PDB file of N, CA and C in Angstrom:
ATOM      1  N   UNK A   1      48.577 -21.345 -19.458  1.00  0.00           N
ATOM      2  CA  UNK A   1      48.686 -22.671 -20.035  1.00  0.00           C
ATOM      3  C   UNK A   1      49.925 -23.362 -19.488  1.00  0.00           C
ATOM      4  N   UNK A   2      51.134 -22.799 -19.681  1.00  0.00           N
ATOM      5  CA  UNK A   2      52.336 -23.390 -19.123  1.00  0.00           C
ATOM      6  C   UNK A   2      53.031 -24.400 -20.010  1.00  0.00           C
ATOM      7  N   UNK A   3      52.355 -25.445 -20.396  1.00  0.00           N
ATOM      8  CA  UNK A   3      52.960 -26.453 -21.268  1.00  0.00           C
ATOM      9  C   UNK A   3      52.545 -26.166 -22.710  1.00  0.00           C
ATOM     10  N   UNK A   4      53.268 -26.717 -23.643  1.00  0.00           N
ATOM     11  CA  UNK A   4      52.949 -26.496 -25.057  1.00  0.00           C
ATOM     12  C   UNK A   4      51.668 -27.242 -25.396  1.00  0.00           C
ATOM     13  N   UNK A   5      50.705 -26.502 -25.923  1.00  0.00           N
ATOM     14  CA  UNK A   5      49.400 -27.071 -26.276  1.00  0.00           C
ATOM     15  C   UNK A   5      49.044 -26.702 -27.710  1.00  0.00           C
ATOM     16  N   UNK A   6      48.222 -27.523 -28.306  1.00  0.00           N
ATOM     17  CA  UNK A   6      47.690 -27.226 -29.623  1.00  0.00           C
ATOM     18  C   UNK A   6      46.507 -26.277 -29.436  1.00  0.00           C
ATOM     19  N   UNK A   7      46.490 -25.192 -30.215  1.00  0.00           N
ATOM     20  CA  UNK A   7      45.451 -24.172 -30.079  1.00  0.00           C
ATOM     21  C   UNK A   7      44.890 -23.807 -31.443  1.00  0.00           C
ATOM     22  N   UNK A   8      43.635 -23.422 -31.444  1.00  0.00           N
ATOM     23  CA  UNK A   8      43.020 -22.830 -32.614  1.00  0.00           C
ATOM     24  C   UNK A   8      42.855 -21.349 -32.315  1.00  0.00           C
ATOM     25  N   UNK A   9      43.372 -20.507 -33.216  1.00  0.00           N
ATOM     26  CA  UNK A   9      43.254 -19.063 -33.035  1.00  0.00           C
ATOM     27  C   UNK A   9      42.366 -18.540 -34.155  1.00  0.00           C
ATOM     28  N   UNK A  10      41.314 -17.787 -33.758  1.00  0.00           N
ATOM     29  CA  UNK A  10      40.360 -17.263 -34.718  1.00  0.00           C
ATOM     30  C   UNK A  10      40.331 -15.741 -34.669  1.00  0.00           C
ATOM     31  N   UNK A  11      40.036 -15.152 -35.819  1.00  0.00           N
ATOM     32  CA  UNK A  11      39.850 -13.709 -35.921  1.00  0.00           C
ATOM     33  C   UNK A  11      38.750 -13.462 -36.951  1.00  0.00           C
ATOM     34  N   UNK A  12      37.918 -12.456 -36.707  1.00  0.00           N
ATOM     35  CA  UNK A  12      36.862 -12.108 -37.661  1.00  0.00           C
ATOM     36  C   UNK A  12      37.286 -10.865 -38.417  1.00  0.00           C
ATOM     37  N   UNK A  13      37.017 -10.862 -39.726  1.00  0.00           N
ATOM     38  CA  UNK A  13      37.368  -9.687 -40.518  1.00  0.00           C
ATOM     39  C   UNK A  13      36.213  -8.682 -40.486  1.00  0.00           C
ATOM     40  N   UNK A  14      36.408  -7.556 -41.161  1.00  0.00           N
ATOM     41  CA  UNK A  14      35.411  -6.482 -41.141  1.00  0.00           C
ATOM     42  C   UNK A  14      34.095  -6.897 -41.780  1.00  0.00           C
ATOM     43  N   UNK A  15      34.121  -7.909 -42.638  1.00  0.00           N
ATOM     44  CA  UNK A  15      32.904  -8.376 -43.295  1.00  0.00           C
ATOM     45  C   UNK A  15      32.204  -9.463 -42.487  1.00  0.00           C
ATOM     46  N   UNK A  16      32.777  -9.819 -41.341  1.00  0.00           N
ATOM     47  CA  UNK A  16      32.172 -10.829 -40.493  1.00  0.00           C
ATOM     48  C   UNK A  16      32.623 -12.251 -40.775  1.00  0.00           C
ATOM     49  N   UNK A  17      33.554 -12.416 -41.721  1.00  0.00           N
ATOM     50  CA  UNK A  17      34.080 -13.749 -42.005  1.00  0.00           C
ATOM     51  C   UNK A  17      35.123 -14.115 -40.962  1.00  0.00           C
ATOM     52  N   UNK A  18      35.083 -15.358 -40.528  1.00  0.00           N
ATOM     53  CA  UNK A  18      36.038 -15.820 -39.522  1.00  0.00           C
ATOM     54  C   UNK A  18      37.190 -16.554 -40.191  1.00  0.00           C
ATOM     55  N   UNK A  19      38.395 -16.254 -39.746  1.00  0.00           N
ATOM     56  CA  UNK A  19      39.598 -16.929 -40.221  1.00  0.00           C
ATOM     57  C   UNK A  19      40.224 -17.615 -39.018  1.00  0.00           C
ATOM     58  N   UNK A  20      40.806 -18.791 -39.236  1.00  0.00           N
ATOM     59  CA  UNK A  20      41.423 -19.497 -38.114  1.00  0.00           C
ATOM     60  C   UNK A  20      42.688 -20.203 -38.567  1.00  0.00           C
ATOM     61  N   UNK A  21      43.530 -20.507 -37.596  1.00  0.00           N
ATOM     62  CA  UNK A  21      44.744 -21.263 -37.845  1.00  0.00           C
ATOM     63  C   UNK A  21      45.068 -22.074 -36.606  1.00  0.00           C
ATOM     64  N   UNK A  22      45.802 -23.146 -36.797  1.00  0.00           N
ATOM     65  CA  UNK A  22      46.237 -24.001 -35.688  1.00  0.00           C
ATOM     66  C   UNK A  22      47.689 -23.676 -35.356  1.00  0.00           C
ATOM     67  N   UNK A  23      47.999 -23.548 -34.069  1.00  0.00           N
ATOM     68  CA  UNK A  23      49.372 -23.316 -33.619  1.00  0.00           C
ATOM     69  C   UNK A  23      49.637 -24.161 -32.381  1.00  0.00           C
ATOM     70  N   UNK A  24      50.905 -24.294 -32.049  1.00  0.00           N
ATOM     71  CA  UNK A  24      51.318 -24.923 -30.787  1.00  0.00           C
ATOM     72  C   UNK A  24      52.001 -23.839 -29.980  1.00  0.00           C
ATOM     73  N   UNK A  25      51.577 -23.655 -28.731  1.00  0.00           N
ATOM     74  CA  UNK A  25      52.104 -22.564 -27.921  1.00  0.00           C
ATOM     75  C   UNK A  25      52.039 -22.915 -26.441  1.00  0.00           C
ATOM     76  N   UNK A  26      52.880 -22.226 -25.658  1.00  0.00           N
ATOM     77  CA  UNK A  26      52.922 -22.444 -24.217  1.00  0.00           C
ATOM     78  C   UNK A  26      52.162 -21.369 -23.445  1.00  0.00           C
ATOM     79  N   UNK A  27      51.673 -20.327 -24.136  1.00  0.00           N
ATOM     80  CA  UNK A  27      50.869 -19.296 -23.479  1.00  0.00           C
ATOM     81  C   UNK A  27      49.863 -18.751 -24.487  1.00  0.00           C
ATOM     82  N   UNK A  28      48.861 -18.076 -23.976  1.00  0.00           N
ATOM     83  CA  UNK A  28      47.837 -17.499 -24.841  1.00  0.00           C
ATOM     84  C   UNK A  28      48.460 -16.435 -25.737  1.00  0.00           C
ATOM     85  N   UNK A  29      49.307 -15.558 -25.169  1.00  0.00           N
ATOM     86  CA  UNK A  29      49.946 -14.514 -25.975  1.00  0.00           C
ATOM     87  C   UNK A  29      50.865 -15.125 -27.030  1.00  0.00           C
ATOM     88  N   UNK A  30      51.561 -16.200 -26.688  1.00  0.00           N
ATOM     89  CA  UNK A  30      52.399 -16.860 -27.687  1.00  0.00           C
ATOM     90  C   UNK A  30      51.536 -17.392 -28.830  1.00  0.00           C
ATOM     91  N   UNK A  31      50.380 -17.955 -28.499  1.00  0.00           N
ATOM     92  CA  UNK A  31      49.479 -18.468 -29.536  1.00  0.00           C
ATOM     93  C   UNK A  31      49.038 -17.340 -30.457  1.00  0.00           C
ATOM     94  N   UNK A  32      48.702 -16.174 -29.891  1.00  0.00           N
ATOM     95  CA  UNK A  32      48.286 -15.032 -30.708  1.00  0.00           C
ATOM     96  C   UNK A  32      49.440 -14.550 -31.576  1.00  0.00           C
ATOM     97  N   UNK A  33      50.649 -14.462 -31.011  1.00  0.00           N
ATOM     98  CA  UNK A  33      51.810 -14.009 -31.785  1.00  0.00           C
ATOM     99  C   UNK A  33      52.096 -14.951 -32.948  1.00  0.00           C
ATOM    100  N   UNK A  34      52.052 -16.249 -32.693  1.00  0.00           N
ATOM    101  CA  UNK A  34      52.279 -17.224 -33.768  1.00  0.00           C
ATOM    102  C   UNK A  34      51.183 -17.114 -34.835  1.00  0.00           C
ATOM    103  N   UNK A  35      49.941 -17.006 -34.400  1.00  0.00           N
ATOM    104  CA  UNK A  35      48.835 -16.903 -35.355  1.00  0.00           C
ATOM    105  C   UNK A  35      48.938 -15.611 -36.161  1.00  0.00           C
ATOM    106  N   UNK A  36      49.303 -14.506 -35.503  1.00  0.00           N
ATOM    107  CA  UNK A  36      49.406 -13.234 -36.208  1.00  0.00           C
ATOM    108  C   UNK A  36      50.459 -13.316 -37.317  1.00  0.00           C
ATOM    109  N   UNK A  37      51.579 -13.986 -37.023  1.00  0.00           N
ATOM    110  CA  UNK A  37      52.613 -14.159 -38.052  1.00  0.00           C
ATOM    111  C   UNK A  37      52.047 -14.946 -39.240  1.00  0.00           C
ATOM    112  N   UNK A  38      51.230 -15.954 -38.964  1.00  0.00           N
ATOM    113  CA  UNK A  38      50.622 -16.745 -40.038  1.00  0.00           C
ATOM    114  C   UNK A  38      49.607 -15.907 -40.808  1.00  0.00           C
ATOM    115  N   UNK A  39      48.750 -15.172 -40.085  1.00  0.00           N
ATOM    116  CA  UNK A  39      47.756 -14.336 -40.750  1.00  0.00           C
ATOM    117  C   UNK A  39      48.436 -13.274 -41.619  1.00  0.00           C
ATOM    118  N   UNK A  40      49.529 -12.678 -41.126  1.00  0.00           N
ATOM    119  CA  UNK A  40      50.235 -11.647 -41.891  1.00  0.00           C
ATOM    120  C   UNK A  40      50.845 -12.212 -43.167  1.00  0.00           C
ATOM    121  N   UNK A  41      51.203 -13.483 -43.150  1.00  0.00           N
ATOM    122  CA  UNK A  41      51.832 -14.084 -44.329  1.00  0.00           C
ATOM    123  C   UNK A  41      50.813 -14.532 -45.371  1.00  0.00           C
ATOM    124  N   UNK A  42      49.546 -14.499 -45.018  1.00  0.00           N
ATOM    125  CA  UNK A  42      48.478 -14.925 -45.916  1.00  0.00           C
ATOM    126  C   UNK A  42      47.804 -13.689 -46.510  1.00  0.00           C
ATOM    127  N   UNK A  43      47.818 -13.563 -47.818  1.00  0.00           N
ATOM    128  CA  UNK A  43      47.226 -12.391 -48.477  1.00  0.00           C
ATOM    129  C   UNK A  43      45.772 -12.174 -48.080  1.00  0.00           C
ATOM    130  N   UNK A  44      45.047 -13.254 -47.851  1.00  0.00           N
ATOM    131  CA  UNK A  44      43.630 -13.173 -47.525  1.00  0.00           C
ATOM    132  C   UNK A  44      43.377 -12.525 -46.163  1.00  0.00           C
ATOM    133  N   UNK A  45      44.284 -12.723 -45.205  1.00  0.00           N
ATOM    134  CA  UNK A  45      44.058 -12.227 -43.848  1.00  0.00           C
ATOM    135  C   UNK A  45      45.069 -11.178 -43.405  1.00  0.00           C
ATOM    136  N   UNK A  46      46.028 -10.826 -44.247  1.00  0.00           N
ATOM    137  CA  UNK A  46      47.090  -9.894 -43.875  1.00  0.00           C
ATOM    138  C   UNK A  46      46.542  -8.595 -43.298  1.00  0.00           C
ATOM    139  N   UNK A  47      45.772  -7.869 -44.069  1.00  0.00           N
ATOM    140  CA  UNK A  47      45.258  -6.575 -43.625  1.00  0.00           C
ATOM    141  C   UNK A  47      44.286  -6.734 -42.470  1.00  0.00           C
ATOM    142  N   UNK A  48      43.482  -7.774 -42.497  1.00  0.00           N
ATOM    143  CA  UNK A  48      42.472  -7.979 -41.462  1.00  0.00           C
ATOM    144  C   UNK A  48      43.088  -8.200 -40.081  1.00  0.00           C
ATOM    145  N   UNK A  49      44.251  -8.864 -40.017  1.00  0.00           N
ATOM    146  CA  UNK A  49      44.850  -9.132 -38.717  1.00  0.00           C
ATOM    147  C   UNK A  49      45.287  -7.849 -38.028  1.00  0.00           C
ATOM    148  N   UNK A  50      45.608  -6.807 -38.807  1.00  0.00           N
ATOM    149  CA  UNK A  50      45.994  -5.525 -38.216  1.00  0.00           C
ATOM    150  C   UNK A  50      44.786  -4.738 -37.733  1.00  0.00           C
ATOM    151  N   UNK A  51      43.628  -5.029 -38.290  1.00  0.00           N
ATOM    152  CA  UNK A  51      42.435  -4.248 -37.978  1.00  0.00           C
ATOM    153  C   UNK A  51      41.533  -4.909 -36.951  1.00  0.00           C
ATOM    154  N   UNK A  52      41.887  -6.086 -36.503  1.00  0.00           N
ATOM    155  CA  UNK A  52      41.044  -6.777 -35.541  1.00  0.00           C
ATOM    156  C   UNK A  52      41.198  -6.163 -34.157  1.00  0.00           C
ATOM    157  N   UNK A  53      40.198  -6.345 -33.360  1.00  0.00           N
ATOM    158  CA  UNK A  53      40.275  -5.898 -31.970  1.00  0.00           C
ATOM    159  C   UNK A  53      40.564  -7.081 -31.054  1.00  0.00           C
ATOM    160  N   UNK A  54      40.228  -8.281 -31.520  1.00  0.00           N
ATOM    161  CA  UNK A  54      40.317  -9.430 -30.628  1.00  0.00           C
ATOM    162  C   UNK A  54      40.641 -10.710 -31.383  1.00  0.00           C
ATOM    163  N   UNK A  55      41.473 -11.517 -30.755  1.00  0.00           N
ATOM    164  CA  UNK A  55      41.758 -12.867 -31.223  1.00  0.00           C
ATOM    165  C   UNK A  55      41.099 -13.824 -30.235  1.00  0.00           C
ATOM    166  N   UNK A  56      40.552 -14.912 -30.724  1.00  0.00           N
ATOM    167  CA  UNK A  56      39.955 -15.919 -29.858  1.00  0.00           C
ATOM    168  C   UNK A  56      40.857 -17.143 -29.909  1.00  0.00           C
ATOM    169  N   UNK A  57      41.341 -17.556 -28.731  1.00  0.00           N
ATOM    170  CA  UNK A  57      42.262 -18.686 -28.626  1.00  0.00           C
ATOM    171  C   UNK A  57      41.547 -19.826 -27.923  1.00  0.00           C
ATOM    172  N   UNK A  58      41.443 -20.953 -28.617  1.00  0.00           N
ATOM    173  CA  UNK A  58      40.826 -22.138 -28.030  1.00  0.00           C
ATOM    174  C   UNK A  58      41.913 -23.185 -27.828  1.00  0.00           C
ATOM    175  N   UNK A  59      42.153 -23.531 -26.569  1.00  0.00           N
ATOM    176  CA  UNK A  59      43.168 -24.524 -26.233  1.00  0.00           C
ATOM    177  C   UNK A  59      42.541 -25.901 -26.415  1.00  0.00           C
ATOM    178  N   UNK A  60      43.186 -26.740 -27.231  1.00  0.00           N
ATOM    179  CA  UNK A  60      42.601 -28.039 -27.567  1.00  0.00           C
ATOM    180  C   UNK A  60      42.695 -29.038 -26.410  1.00  0.00           C
ATOM    181  N   UNK A  61      43.840 -29.087 -25.708  1.00  0.00           N
ATOM    182  CA  UNK A  61      44.004 -30.079 -24.641  1.00  0.00           C
ATOM    183  C   UNK A  61      43.110 -29.770 -23.446  1.00  0.00           C
ATOM    184  N   UNK A  62      42.998 -28.503 -23.119  1.00  0.00           N
ATOM    185  CA  UNK A  62      42.111 -28.067 -22.041  1.00  0.00           C
ATOM    186  C   UNK A  62      40.931 -27.381 -22.703  1.00  0.00           C
ATOM    187  N   UNK A  63      39.733 -27.757 -22.371  1.00  0.00           N
ATOM    188  CA  UNK A  63      38.596 -27.118 -23.042  1.00  0.00           C
ATOM    189  C   UNK A  63      38.397 -25.685 -22.541  1.00  0.00           C
ATOM    190  N   UNK A  64      39.322 -24.782 -22.924  1.00  0.00           N
ATOM    191  CA  UNK A  64      39.244 -23.386 -22.511  1.00  0.00           C
ATOM    192  C   UNK A  64      39.337 -22.497 -23.732  1.00  0.00           C
ATOM    193  N   UNK A  65      38.651 -21.368 -23.651  1.00  0.00           N
ATOM    194  CA  UNK A  65      38.697 -20.370 -24.712  1.00  0.00           C
ATOM    195  C   UNK A  65      39.090 -19.041 -24.085  1.00  0.00           C
ATOM    196  N   UNK A  66      40.042 -18.351 -24.714  1.00  0.00           N
ATOM    197  CA  UNK A  66      40.517 -17.063 -24.232  1.00  0.00           C
ATOM    198  C   UNK A  66      40.256 -16.012 -25.299  1.00  0.00           C
ATOM    199  N   UNK A  67      39.832 -14.827 -24.870  1.00  0.00           N
ATOM    200  CA  UNK A  67      39.648 -13.693 -25.776  1.00  0.00           C
ATOM    201  C   UNK A  67      40.784 -12.723 -25.491  1.00  0.00           C
ATOM    202  N   UNK A  68      41.603 -12.447 -26.504  1.00  0.00           N
ATOM    203  CA  UNK A  68      42.783 -11.607 -26.331  1.00  0.00           C
ATOM    204  C   UNK A  68      42.602 -10.333 -27.147  1.00  0.00           C
ATOM    205  N   UNK A  69      42.505  -9.209 -26.456  1.00  0.00           N
ATOM    206  CA  UNK A  69      42.409  -7.921 -27.132  1.00  0.00           C
ATOM    207  C   UNK A  69      43.759  -7.564 -27.726  1.00  0.00           C
ATOM    208  N   UNK A  70      43.767  -7.224 -28.997  1.00  0.00           N
ATOM    209  CA  UNK A  70      45.019  -6.895 -29.672  1.00  0.00           C
ATOM    210  C   UNK A  70      45.705  -5.719 -28.997  1.00  0.00           C
ATOM    211  N   UNK A  71      44.972  -4.657 -28.721  1.00  0.00           N
ATOM    212  CA  UNK A  71      45.577  -3.475 -28.093  1.00  0.00           C
ATOM    213  C   UNK A  71      46.165  -3.817 -26.729  1.00  0.00           C
ATOM    214  N   UNK A  72      45.453  -4.606 -25.943  1.00  0.00           N
ATOM    215  CA  UNK A  72      45.930  -4.983 -24.610  1.00  0.00           C
ATOM    216  C   UNK A  72      47.229  -5.782 -24.713  1.00  0.00           C
ATOM    217  N   UNK A  73      47.299  -6.707 -25.663  1.00  0.00           N
ATOM    218  CA  UNK A  73      48.507  -7.510 -25.815  1.00  0.00           C
ATOM    219  C   UNK A  73      49.675  -6.642 -26.275  1.00  0.00           C
ATOM    220  N   UNK A  74      49.429  -5.754 -27.249  1.00  0.00           N
ATOM    221  CA  UNK A  74      50.505  -4.895 -27.730  1.00  0.00           C
ATOM    222  C   UNK A  74      50.995  -3.950 -26.638  1.00  0.00           C
ATOM    223  N   UNK A  75      50.088  -3.436 -25.805  1.00  0.00           N
ATOM    224  CA  UNK A  75      50.495  -2.589 -24.674  1.00  0.00           C
ATOM    225  C   UNK A  75      51.369  -3.382 -23.715  1.00  0.00           C
ATOM    226  N   UNK A  76      50.979  -4.609 -23.417  1.00  0.00           N
ATOM    227  CA  UNK A  76      51.757  -5.449 -22.508  1.00  0.00           C
ATOM    228  C   UNK A  76      53.146  -5.722 -23.085  1.00  0.00           C
ATOM    229  N   UNK A  77      53.219  -5.999 -24.385  1.00  0.00           N
ATOM    230  CA  UNK A  77      54.512  -6.254 -25.016  1.00  0.00           C
ATOM    231  C   UNK A  77      55.406  -5.014 -24.987  1.00  0.00           C
ATOM    232  N   UNK A  78      54.821  -3.828 -25.104  1.00  0.00           N
ATOM    233  CA  UNK A  78      55.612  -2.593 -25.114  1.00  0.00           C
ATOM    234  C   UNK A  78      55.984  -2.105 -23.726  1.00  0.00           C
ATOM    235  N   UNK A  79      55.283  -2.561 -22.705  1.00  0.00           N
ATOM    236  CA  UNK A  79      55.572  -2.135 -21.336  1.00  0.00           C
ATOM    237  C   UNK A  79      56.974  -2.590 -20.945  1.00  0.00           C
ATOM    238  N   UNK A  80      57.818  -1.645 -20.575  1.00  0.00           N
ATOM    239  CA  UNK A  80      59.178  -1.964 -20.153  1.00  0.00           C
ATOM    240  C   UNK A  80      60.137  -2.179 -21.303  1.00  0.00           C
ATOM    241  N   UNK A  81      59.719  -1.891 -22.511  1.00  0.00           N
ATOM    242  CA  UNK A  81      60.537  -2.160 -23.699  1.00  0.00           C
ATOM    243  C   UNK A  81      61.886  -1.447 -23.599  1.00  0.00           C
ATOM    244  N   UNK A  82      62.940  -2.243 -23.709  1.00  0.00           N
ATOM    245  CA  UNK A  82      64.295  -1.699 -23.686  1.00  0.00           C
ATOM    246  C   UNK A  82      64.830  -1.426 -22.296  1.00  0.00           C
ATOM    247  N   UNK A  83      63.984  -1.492 -21.299  1.00  0.00           N
ATOM    248  CA  UNK A  83      64.415  -1.230 -19.930  1.00  0.00           C
ATOM    249  C   UNK A  83      64.613  -2.512 -19.142  1.00  0.00           C
ATOM    250  N   UNK A  84      64.725  -2.357 -17.839  1.00  0.00           N
ATOM    251  CA  UNK A  84      64.932  -3.524 -16.971  1.00  0.00           C
ATOM    252  C   UNK A  84      63.752  -4.483 -17.008  1.00  0.00           C
ATOM    253  N   UNK A  85      62.552  -3.948 -17.234  1.00  0.00           N
ATOM    254  CA  UNK A  85      61.357  -4.798 -17.207  1.00  0.00           C
ATOM    255  C   UNK A  85      61.106  -5.515 -18.533  1.00  0.00           C
ATOM    256  N   UNK A  86      61.956  -5.255 -19.532  1.00  0.00           N
ATOM    257  CA  UNK A  86      61.794  -5.913 -20.824  1.00  0.00           C
ATOM    258  C   UNK A  86      62.400  -7.311 -20.724  1.00  0.00           C
ATOM    259  N   UNK A  87      61.547  -8.276 -20.559  1.00  0.00           N
ATOM    260  CA  UNK A  87      62.015  -9.639 -20.349  1.00  0.00           C
ATOM    261  C   UNK A  87      62.403 -10.304 -21.667  1.00  0.00           C
ATOM    262  N   UNK A  88      63.188 -11.340 -21.546  1.00  0.00           N
ATOM    263  CA  UNK A  88      63.554 -12.114 -22.725  1.00  0.00           C
ATOM    264  C   UNK A  88      62.320 -12.691 -23.400  1.00  0.00           C
ATOM    265  N   UNK A  89      61.332 -13.075 -22.611  1.00  0.00           N
ATOM    266  CA  UNK A  89      60.101 -13.642 -23.171  1.00  0.00           C
ATOM    267  C   UNK A  89      59.381 -12.627 -24.055  1.00  0.00           C
ATOM    268  N   UNK A  90      59.274 -11.372 -23.572  1.00  0.00           N
ATOM    269  CA  UNK A  90      58.611 -10.339 -24.369  1.00  0.00           C
ATOM    270  C   UNK A  90      59.390 -10.069 -25.651  1.00  0.00           C
ATOM    271  N   UNK A  91      60.705 -10.027 -25.560  1.00  0.00           N
ATOM    272  CA  UNK A  91      61.526  -9.815 -26.761  1.00  0.00           C
ATOM    273  C   UNK A  91      61.292 -10.948 -27.751  1.00  0.00           C
ATOM    274  N   UNK A  92      61.260 -12.162 -27.236  1.00  0.00           N
ATOM    275  CA  UNK A  92      61.045 -13.333 -28.086  1.00  0.00           C
ATOM    276  C   UNK A  92      59.665 -13.275 -28.745  1.00  0.00           C
ATOM    277  N   UNK A  93      58.632 -12.901 -27.973  1.00  0.00           N
ATOM    278  CA  UNK A  93      57.279 -12.820 -28.530  1.00  0.00           C
ATOM    279  C   UNK A  93      57.194 -11.742 -29.607  1.00  0.00           C
ATOM    280  N   UNK A  94      57.858 -10.598 -29.420  1.00  0.00           N
ATOM    281  CA  UNK A  94      57.856  -9.556 -30.451  1.00  0.00           C
ATOM    282  C   UNK A  94      58.510 -10.065 -31.734  1.00  0.00           C
ATOM    283  N   UNK A  95      59.644 -10.767 -31.582  1.00  0.00           N
ATOM    284  CA  UNK A  95      60.311 -11.332 -32.763  1.00  0.00           C
ATOM    285  C   UNK A  95      59.413 -12.372 -33.431  1.00  0.00           C
ATOM    286  N   UNK A  96      58.728 -13.155 -32.633  1.00  0.00           N
ATOM    287  CA  UNK A  96      57.830 -14.179 -33.156  1.00  0.00           C
ATOM    288  C   UNK A  96      56.705 -13.551 -33.977  1.00  0.00           C
ATOM    289  N   UNK A  97      56.136 -12.456 -33.489  1.00  0.00           N
ATOM    290  CA  UNK A  97      55.063 -11.772 -34.205  1.00  0.00           C
ATOM    291  C   UNK A  97      55.536 -11.220 -35.540  1.00  0.00           C
ATOM    292  N   UNK A  98      56.779 -10.797 -35.582  1.00  0.00           N
ATOM    293  CA  UNK A  98      57.317 -10.184 -36.792  1.00  0.00           C
ATOM    294  C   UNK A  98      57.903 -11.212 -37.750  1.00  0.00           C
ATOM    295  N   UNK A  99      57.883 -12.477 -37.361  1.00  0.00           N
ATOM    296  CA  UNK A  99      58.468 -13.537 -38.184  1.00  0.00           C
ATOM    297  C   UNK A  99      57.697 -13.703 -39.482  1.00  0.00           C
ATOM    298  N   UNK A 100      58.450 -13.998 -40.511  1.00  0.00           N
ATOM    299  CA  UNK A 100      57.833 -14.336 -41.791  1.00  0.00           C
ATOM    300  C   UNK A 100      58.082 -15.827 -41.992  1.00  0.00           C
ATOM    301  N   UNK A 101      57.044 -16.618 -41.837  1.00  0.00           N
ATOM    302  CA  UNK A 101      57.221 -18.069 -41.873  1.00  0.00           C
ATOM    303  C   UNK A 101      57.536 -18.587 -43.265  1.00  0.00           C
ATOM    304  N   UNK A 102      57.409 -17.746 -44.298  1.00  0.00           N
ATOM    305  CA  UNK A 102      57.638 -18.182 -45.661  1.00  0.00           C
ATOM    306  C   UNK A 102      58.998 -17.762 -46.196  1.00  0.00           C
ATOM    307  N   UNK A 103      59.868 -17.213 -45.356  1.00  0.00           N
ATOM    308  CA  UNK A 103      61.195 -16.835 -45.826  1.00  0.00           C
ATOM    309  C   UNK A 103      61.414 -15.344 -45.734  1.00  0.00           C
ATOM    310  N   UNK A 104      62.468 -14.849 -46.391  1.00  0.00           N
ATOM    311  CA  UNK A 104      62.784 -13.424 -46.314  1.00  0.00           C
ATOM    312  C   UNK A 104      61.646 -12.561 -46.855  1.00  0.00           C
ATOM    313  N   UNK A 105      61.546 -11.368 -46.308  1.00  0.00           N
ATOM    314  CA  UNK A 105      60.492 -10.449 -46.737  1.00  0.00           C
ATOM    315  C   UNK A 105      60.725  -9.987 -48.168  1.00  0.00           C
ATOM    316  N   UNK A 106      59.632  -9.827 -48.881  1.00  0.00           N
ATOM    317  CA  UNK A 106      59.708  -9.276 -50.231  1.00  0.00           C
ATOM    318  C   UNK A 106      59.857  -7.757 -50.098  1.00  0.00           C
ATOM    319  N   UNK A 107      60.280  -7.063 -51.166  1.00  0.00           N
ATOM    320  CA  UNK A 107      60.366  -5.597 -51.094  1.00  0.00           C
ATOM    321  C   UNK A 107      59.035  -4.944 -50.696  1.00  0.00           C
ATOM    322  N   UNK A 108      57.912  -5.499 -51.172  1.00  0.00           N
ATOM    323  CA  UNK A 108      56.599  -4.957 -50.813  1.00  0.00           C
ATOM    324  C   UNK A 108      56.338  -5.117 -49.317  1.00  0.00           C
ATOM    325  N   UNK A 109      56.687  -6.289 -48.767  1.00  0.00           N
ATOM    326  CA  UNK A 109      56.487  -6.528 -47.331  1.00  0.00           C
ATOM    327  C   UNK A 109      57.373  -5.613 -46.501  1.00  0.00           C
ATOM    328  N   UNK A 110      58.614  -5.406 -46.943  1.00  0.00           N
ATOM    329  CA  UNK A 110      59.505  -4.504 -46.218  1.00  0.00           C
ATOM    330  C   UNK A 110      58.965  -3.086 -46.230  1.00  0.00           C
ATOM    331  N   UNK A 111      58.449  -2.634 -47.381  1.00  0.00           N
ATOM    332  CA  UNK A 111      57.883  -1.290 -47.477  1.00  0.00           C
ATOM    333  C   UNK A 111      56.672  -1.144 -46.549  1.00  0.00           C
ATOM    334  N   UNK A 112      55.809  -2.181 -46.521  1.00  0.00           N
ATOM    335  CA  UNK A 112      54.636  -2.167 -45.659  1.00  0.00           C
ATOM    336  C   UNK A 112      55.058  -2.132 -44.183  1.00  0.00           C
ATOM    337  N   UNK A 113      56.096  -2.886 -43.842  1.00  0.00           N
ATOM    338  CA  UNK A 113      56.593  -2.882 -42.464  1.00  0.00           C
ATOM    339  C   UNK A 113      57.173  -1.535 -42.075  1.00  0.00           C
ATOM    340  N   UNK A 114      57.838  -0.859 -42.991  1.00  0.00           N
ATOM    341  CA  UNK A 114      58.411   0.446 -42.715  1.00  0.00           C
ATOM    342  C   UNK A 114      57.290   1.471 -42.482  1.00  0.00           C
ATOM    343  N   UNK A 115      56.189   1.344 -43.241  1.00  0.00           N
ATOM    344  CA  UNK A 115      55.057   2.275 -43.058  1.00  0.00           C
ATOM    345  C   UNK A 115      54.378   2.047 -41.720  1.00  0.00           C
ATOM    346  N   UNK A 116      54.354   0.795 -41.248  1.00  0.00           N
ATOM    347  CA  UNK A 116      53.653   0.467 -39.995  1.00  0.00           C
ATOM    348  C   UNK A 116      54.404   0.963 -38.774  1.00  0.00           C
ATOM    349  N   UNK A 117      55.709   1.195 -38.896  1.00  0.00           N
ATOM    350  CA  UNK A 117      56.505   1.607 -37.719  1.00  0.00           C
ATOM    351  C   UNK A 117      56.428   3.050 -37.432  1.00  0.00           C
TER     352      UNK A 117
END
């Protein structure tokens, strides 16, 4: 993508229901990271976002749709972690994914995050 674009990011839950959110992002992975932070902050989609295999990113300015495999994106983010190949962009995207857009984490959220690590 390159420039900041408005995107719709969709994910389907285990029951086949689709959830979506709007984000502004400069890359497909950034759009997924921003959407994942939003899904994690929503009780309705929190657990489902961890269990999905794929996010669908539709770029509004350019009529393009991207399918992003969660495992593939997480592998890419972890590649080079802490080493010379760990770019500032990857560090920023990891922080973005872990962001809580509603403020500081509650004790329950912190406990859940500790279990996930």
